[in-house]
Protein backbone atom coordinates (compact mmCIF):
# COMPACT_ATOMS: atom_id res chain seq x y z
CA UNK A 1 24.09 21.37 -22.05
CA UNK A 2 23.46 21.87 -18.35
CA UNK A 3 19.74 22.30 -18.99
CA UNK A 4 19.63 18.95 -20.78
CA UNK A 5 21.41 17.22 -17.88
CA UNK A 6 18.97 18.79 -15.43
CA UNK A 7 16.02 17.66 -17.56
CA UNK A 8 17.37 14.10 -17.79
CA UNK A 9 17.92 13.99 -14.04
CA UNK A 10 14.40 15.24 -13.30
CA UNK A 11 12.90 12.81 -15.79
CA UNK A 12 14.74 9.84 -14.32
CA UNK A 13 13.78 10.92 -10.80
CA UNK A 14 10.12 11.11 -11.83
CA UNK A 15 10.32 7.69 -13.48
CA UNK A 16 11.90 6.25 -10.35
CA UNK A 17 9.22 7.84 -8.15
CA UNK A 18 6.47 6.42 -10.35
CA UNK A 19 8.09 2.98 -10.29
CA UNK A 20 8.31 3.06 -6.49
CA UNK A 21 4.68 4.20 -6.18
CA UNK A 22 3.47 1.48 -8.55
CA UNK A 23 5.48 -1.17 -6.70
CA UNK A 24 4.10 0.04 -3.39
CA UNK A 25 0.52 0.00 -4.73
CA UNK A 26 1.00 -3.52 -6.07
CA UNK A 27 2.48 -4.64 -2.74
CA UNK A 28 -0.38 -3.11 -0.74
CA UNK A 29 -3.01 -4.63 -3.06
CA UNK A 30 -1.35 -8.04 -2.68
CA UNK A 31 -1.31 -7.69 1.13
CA UNK A 32 -5.00 -6.70 1.12
CA UNK A 33 -5.87 -9.75 -0.99
CA UNK A 34 -3.98 -12.00 1.42
CA UNK A 35 -5.68 -10.36 4.41
CA UNK A 36 -9.11 -10.79 2.80
CA UNK A 37 -8.38 -14.47 2.12
CA UNK A 38 -7.25 -14.98 5.70
CA UNK A 39 -10.40 -13.28 7.02
CA UNK A 40 -12.54 -15.52 4.83
CA UNK A 41 -10.63 -18.62 5.92
CA UNK A 42 -10.91 -17.71 9.61
CA UNK A 43 -14.64 -17.02 9.34
CA UNK A 44 -15.21 -20.37 7.65
CA UNK A 45 -12.95 -22.09 10.16
CA UNK A 46 -14.71 -20.54 13.15
CA UNK A 47 -18.18 -21.29 11.76
CA UNK A 48 -17.53 -25.05 11.74
């Protein structure tokens, strides 16, 4: 019984870790896209 509880806990911790990592990756990718857009906008703005 205790082994099963331990397994469930580890599994849920791993799932949580993966969820956090995926969320962080998505957040970072979104920030990079925004930064790239801003760079592009500023270059175009400064060229004119």
